[in-house]
Amino acid sequence: MPLREVEFPSDPKDLEGAKEQFFIFYSSRVNGQLWCPDCVAVDRIIQDTFGPQDGPSAVIVYVGQKPEWKTPSNIFRGEPWQVTSVPTVIKVEDVSIGLIIILLLDSNF
C-alpha cells in the first residue's frame, strides 16, 4: 500500500483513527529535503519497505522543522505518541483493551 503523508502541524489525535498499521515519524522537509540526517539515512529503507502496493500500510508524519521539533512542547512528544527522536517507526495494534503502541525503531539504536 502506498505511503500516506501527514504534514506538520496536525493534531496528533487526528491519527488515532488512522487505518495504517505503522506510523513513521520524520523530520519535516526544507526545500524538499529532510533536515534530519538520520531520517535521510533510513529513507530508502522506509520507501522500499512501505512504498510498494503489497507492502505494509504506513503513514509518514512530519514532526516539524528543527526549531519546532526541538521544543519540549512539540505536539508529537506528548500523549498519545511520546516520540522522543526521529526517525521513529511505531506499529499500532488495535485490540479490545484499547490502542497498543509498539515502538519498533528509534534513531538512538
Protein backbone atom coordinates (compact mmCIF):
# COMPACT_ATOMS: atom_id res chain seq x y z
CA MET A 1 0.00 0.00 0.00
CA PRO A 2 1.48 3.40 -0.90
CA LEU A 3 2.77 5.59 1.89
CA ARG A 4 0.48 8.35 3.02
CA GLU A 5 1.98 11.60 4.36
CA VAL A 6 0.70 13.97 7.05
CA GLU A 7 2.20 17.46 7.07
CA PHE A 8 3.03 19.34 10.28
CA PRO A 9 1.24 20.88 12.08
CA SER A 10 -1.52 18.42 12.64
CA ASP A 11 -3.40 17.39 15.71
CA PRO A 12 -1.92 14.09 16.89
CA LYS A 13 -5.41 12.99 17.88
CA ASP A 14 -6.29 13.02 14.15
CA LEU A 15 -4.02 9.99 13.77
CA GLU A 16 -5.92 7.92 16.33
CA GLY A 17 -8.46 6.86 13.71
CA ALA A 18 -5.86 6.11 11.03
CA LYS A 19 -6.15 2.76 9.28
CA GLU A 20 -2.41 2.34 8.74
CA GLN A 21 -0.50 -0.32 10.70
CA PHE A 22 2.63 1.80 11.08
CA PHE A 23 3.37 5.45 11.83
CA ILE A 24 6.72 6.76 10.66
CA PHE A 25 7.78 9.99 12.37
CA TYR A 26 10.20 12.03 10.25
CA SER A 27 11.67 15.50 10.27
CA SER A 28 9.82 17.90 8.00
CA ARG A 29 11.37 18.90 4.70
CA VAL A 30 13.36 22.04 3.93
CA ASN A 31 13.49 22.81 0.20
CA GLY A 32 12.34 19.25 -0.50
CA GLN A 33 14.98 17.65 1.77
CA LEU A 34 14.60 16.10 5.22
CA TRP A 35 16.55 18.23 7.72
CA CYS A 36 17.43 15.26 9.93
CA PRO A 37 20.43 13.23 8.72
CA ASP A 38 19.14 10.07 10.44
CA CYS A 39 15.86 10.39 8.52
CA VAL A 40 17.79 10.80 5.27
CA ALA A 41 19.84 7.69 6.12
CA VAL A 42 16.77 5.44 6.53
CA ASP A 43 14.52 6.99 3.89
CA ARG A 44 15.38 4.46 1.14
CA ILE A 45 14.69 1.54 3.53
CA ILE A 46 11.35 3.11 4.52
CA GLN A 47 10.38 3.70 0.89
CA ASP A 48 11.39 0.17 -0.15
CA THR A 49 9.57 -1.43 2.78
CA PHE A 50 6.35 0.57 2.94
CA GLY A 51 6.07 2.05 -0.56
CA PRO A 52 5.10 -0.97 -2.68
CA GLN A 53 1.44 -1.77 -3.24
CA ASP A 54 1.86 -5.08 -1.40
CA GLY A 55 3.84 -3.56 1.48
CA PRO A 56 2.52 -2.90 4.98
CA SER A 57 0.30 0.17 5.34
CA ALA A 58 2.06 3.20 6.79
CA VAL A 59 1.75 6.95 7.19
CA ILE A 60 4.70 9.34 7.35
CA VAL A 61 4.10 12.00 9.98
CA TYR A 62 6.30 15.09 9.72
CA VAL A 63 7.12 16.43 13.18
CA GLY A 64 8.06 19.95 12.09
CA GLN A 65 11.11 21.97 11.24
CA LYS A 66 14.13 21.63 13.52
CA PRO A 67 13.21 24.51 15.90
CA GLU A 68 9.63 23.18 16.20
CA TRP A 69 10.83 19.63 16.86
CA LYS A 70 13.44 20.68 19.43
CA THR A 71 10.85 22.33 21.69
CA PRO A 72 9.63 20.10 24.54
CA SER A 73 6.07 21.18 23.71
CA ASN A 74 6.11 19.65 20.20
CA ILE A 75 2.71 18.01 19.77
CA PHE A 76 4.21 14.62 18.95
CA ARG A 77 6.32 14.50 22.12
CA GLY A 78 3.16 14.30 24.25
CA GLU A 79 0.32 11.83 24.54
CA PRO A 80 -0.51 9.58 22.89
CA TRP A 81 2.65 9.22 20.75
CA GLN A 82 5.51 10.31 23.05
CA VAL A 83 8.03 10.40 20.21
CA THR A 84 11.46 11.32 21.58
CA SER A 85 13.57 11.18 18.42
CA VAL A 86 13.28 10.99 14.66
CA PRO A 87 13.11 8.80 12.77
CA THR A 88 10.77 6.64 14.80
CA VAL A 89 8.60 3.83 13.45
CA ILE A 90 5.66 2.78 15.59
CA LYS A 91 3.47 -0.25 14.98
CA VAL A 92 -0.09 0.30 16.12
CA GLU A 93 -2.35 -2.55 17.08
CA ASP A 94 -6.00 -2.08 17.94
CA VAL A 95 -7.10 -4.64 20.50
CA SER A 96 -10.14 -4.96 22.72
CA ILE A 97 -8.40 -3.30 25.69
CA GLY A 98 -7.57 -0.21 23.64
CA LEU A 99 -4.85 1.13 21.42
CA ILE A 100 -1.45 -0.51 21.88
CA ILE A 101 1.57 1.32 20.52
CA ILE A 102 4.74 -0.71 19.97
CA LEU A 103 7.99 1.15 19.38
CA LEU A 104 9.86 -0.56 16.55
CA LEU A 105 12.64 1.72 15.52
CA ASP A 106 14.25 4.62 17.27
CA SER A 107 17.25 6.51 15.94
CA ASN A 108 19.01 6.00 19.31
CA PHE A 109 19.86 2.37 18.41
